Amino acid sequence: MGDLALIFGASLAAALAVGLAGAVALRVLRGRSITVHISVLLASTVGAVAAGVAVVAQAMFLSPHDLQVVLTTLAAAAVVSLAVGWLFGRRLAAAAVWADQARARERRIEKGRRDLVAWVSHDLRTPLAGLRAMAEALEDGVVDEPVTVAEYHRRIRIETDRMTRLVDDLFELSRINAGALRLSLSTVALGDVVSDALAGAAPLAAARRIRLVAPESGWPAVTASERELARVVGNLLLNAIRYTPADGTVTVDAGRDVDTAWLAVADTCGGIPADDLPRVFDVAFRGEPARTPAAVEPSGSGGLGLAIVRGLVEAHGGRVEVQNVSDGCRFVVRLPAAGI
């Protein structure tokens, strides 16, 4: 019985020494990845077992040959244990990281949903209240002067168009988020799409006394769905016009790299705060009050325009980014260039 107690004490002391060294190593490496922590833990466990067996084998006064056999067997078992533990440890670490990222992504999506509902509710409440008031005034005969009646009709049409655009944006965004967007890819002349977008945005730009500048030639061709590409360019133009002060300038330019075509829309809005740059493509994000669009023609975008731009561009296999320039900001869209 005494011999067993002595053997137990010797192996326990050796294992504790290795275990304490492993604990110190884990504390020193506490800022490292999960894989590193699992590897250290496995090495400490196998090392504790190996240290206990080695101490006991030495104490038993085994012959050199027998001691070598024991240590060789122990080394083989340690290699297998560490290899299997490291392999499955990495899988567990990857699963833990993936689960954490999934939870964070779900929280962001849920926050986006709440923000979207809040913004859309706000954007619908105002025009609906105005429509109701004007409809009741017309119905009750409160207004009967032809000029006033015509103005009420005009305002009703404007507010109806605003809500229609908002509903269209919501439908487009839901298709993107649900993965239900189907693109009909073809070779599209980027210059034609930009020309149409500029013509559509010209009245709003003229009302704001904003110059629209674009080169007459040098436009590349891209592989894209023309309808969705037109929406991307139109949203970027309208966003630039709304945030650019009166007498400002919006510049559209494009070019081509080796296998990528790019389109840039620059404005003179004064720039975007650095903290807001990573968030400008988020759903319902409108930035600080200083960047709230001026009240010209109601947009009804609900803060969805740039979110739709990012979704459509990524659906094409491209990317969109924004950066501050000297007197404003510059949005750059990169898409696969057509091979012509």
Foldseek 3Di string as FASTA:
>chain_A
DVVVVVLVVQLVVQLVVLLVVLVVVCVVCVVPAQLVNQLSVLCSVLRSNLRSVLRSVVVVVDDPVVSVVVNVVSVVVSVVSSVVSSVVSVVVRVVVVVVVVVVVVVVQVVVLVVLLVVLLCVLVVVLVVLLVVLVVCVVVVVDDDPVVVVVSVVSNVLSVVLQVVLVVLVVLLVCLVVVVDDWDWDKAFVLVLLVVLCVVCVVLCVVLQEAEAEDPDATFIFTGRSVLVSLLNNLLVVLQSQLAHRNWYWYWYKHDDDFKIKIKIWIQNQEAPPVCQVPLLRQQDQHDPSRHGDPDRNNSNSSRSSVSNQSRLVVQVWGWHKDADDRYIMIMTMHGTDPD
